[in-house]
Protein backbone atom coordinates (compact mmCIF):
# COMPACT_ATOMS: atom_id res chain seq x y z
CA UNK A 1 0.00 0.00 0.00
CA UNK A 2 1.27 3.50 -0.79
CA UNK A 3 0.31 6.63 1.15
CA UNK A 4 -0.22 9.81 -0.86
CA UNK A 5 -0.50 12.78 1.52
CA UNK A 6 -2.83 15.68 0.78
CA UNK A 7 -2.01 19.39 0.79
CA UNK A 8 1.04 20.37 2.83
CA UNK A 9 1.32 16.97 4.53
CA UNK A 10 4.35 14.65 4.26
CA UNK A 11 4.91 10.96 5.10
CA UNK A 12 8.01 10.29 7.22
CA UNK A 13 9.71 7.00 8.17
CA UNK A 14 11.18 7.59 11.67
CA UNK A 15 14.76 6.48 12.33
CA UNK A 16 15.25 3.62 14.78
CA UNK A 17 15.61 4.53 18.46
CA UNK A 18 19.01 4.05 20.10
CA UNK A 19 19.04 0.73 21.97
CA UNK A 20 22.33 1.25 23.83
CA UNK A 21 24.01 4.22 25.49
CA UNK A 22 27.48 5.50 24.61
CA UNK A 23 28.79 3.46 27.55
CA UNK A 24 27.28 0.24 26.19
CA UNK A 25 24.28 -0.06 28.52
CA UNK A 26 21.29 -1.70 26.83
CA UNK A 27 18.12 0.38 27.25
CA UNK A 28 14.67 -1.22 27.68
CA UNK A 29 11.89 -0.05 25.34
CA UNK A 30 10.35 2.21 28.00
CA UNK A 31 13.63 4.09 28.51
CA UNK A 32 14.43 4.61 24.83
CA UNK A 33 14.07 8.15 23.60
CA UNK A 34 11.48 8.68 20.87
CA UNK A 35 13.30 9.33 17.56
CA UNK A 36 13.10 12.86 16.15
CA UNK A 37 14.72 12.18 12.78
CA UNK A 38 13.31 10.47 9.76
CA UNK A 39 13.33 10.11 6.00
CA UNK A 40 10.67 11.71 3.76
CA UNK A 41 8.81 9.01 1.81
CA UNK A 42 6.14 11.08 0.11
CA UNK A 43 4.99 14.72 -0.13
CA UNK A 44 1.59 16.22 -0.91
CA UNK A 45 0.65 18.79 -3.55
CA UNK A 46 1.54 21.79 -1.36
CA UNK A 47 -0.37 24.27 0.74
CA UNK A 48 -3.33 25.94 -0.98
CA UNK A 49 -2.84 29.72 -1.14
CA UNK A 50 -5.66 32.28 -0.96
CA UNK A 51 -5.49 32.88 -4.72
CA UNK A 52 -6.04 29.17 -5.45
CA UNK A 53 -2.46 28.29 -6.40
CA UNK A 54 -0.31 25.74 -4.57
CA UNK A 55 2.98 26.61 -2.87
CA UNK A 56 5.96 24.29 -3.36
CA UNK A 57 7.32 22.11 -0.55
CA UNK A 58 10.72 22.91 0.93
CA UNK A 59 11.43 19.18 1.38
CA UNK A 60 11.58 16.46 -1.24
CA UNK A 61 11.29 12.68 -1.14
CA UNK A 62 14.43 11.11 0.30
CA UNK A 63 15.39 14.08 2.51
CA UNK A 64 16.52 13.27 6.04
CA UNK A 65 14.70 15.64 8.40
CA UNK A 66 14.55 16.64 12.05
CA UNK A 67 11.04 17.17 13.46
CA UNK A 68 9.52 18.16 16.79
CA UNK A 69 9.12 15.44 19.40
CA UNK A 70 5.34 14.93 19.44
CA UNK A 71 4.51 15.97 15.89
CA UNK A 72 2.53 14.02 13.35
CA UNK A 73 0.06 11.18 13.43
CA UNK A 74 1.42 7.65 13.67
CA UNK A 75 -0.02 5.13 11.23
CA UNK A 76 0.85 1.49 10.49
CA UNK A 77 1.18 0.53 6.82
CA UNK A 78 2.14 -3.05 5.92
CA UNK A 79 3.46 -3.58 9.45
CA UNK A 80 5.68 -0.49 9.32
CA UNK A 81 5.17 2.52 11.59
CA UNK A 82 5.07 5.82 9.66
CA UNK A 83 4.26 9.43 10.53
CA UNK A 84 1.99 11.78 8.61
CA UNK A 85 2.75 15.38 9.53
CA UNK A 86 2.42 18.90 8.29
CA UNK A 87 5.50 20.37 6.63
CA UNK A 88 5.47 23.09 9.30
CA UNK A 89 6.28 20.42 11.96
CA UNK A 90 9.65 19.81 10.27
CA UNK A 91 12.41 21.80 11.95
CA UNK A 92 15.38 21.20 9.60
CA UNK A 93 16.80 19.12 6.77
CA UNK A 94 19.83 17.09 7.88
CA UNK A 95 22.59 16.87 5.30
């Protein structure tokens, strides 16, 4: 199944959470920090302006991005956890 976001929404695959600390201690699931980086899988058409035109996205498919901690809506597609969020929830593109 493929998700096609609408408007200014994007689909993001979150990066995996760190399972060990720098010192080598294995963290249980409850102690793992929620990931705040991900890869853009799909982008919508763009935000609808007042004059009826669409504005372009600042991110493209394949970009690695940093987003706010509790942004987006989590969905499961084919057993994979993905996020659908507004482009405004994205803080930066990681290069």
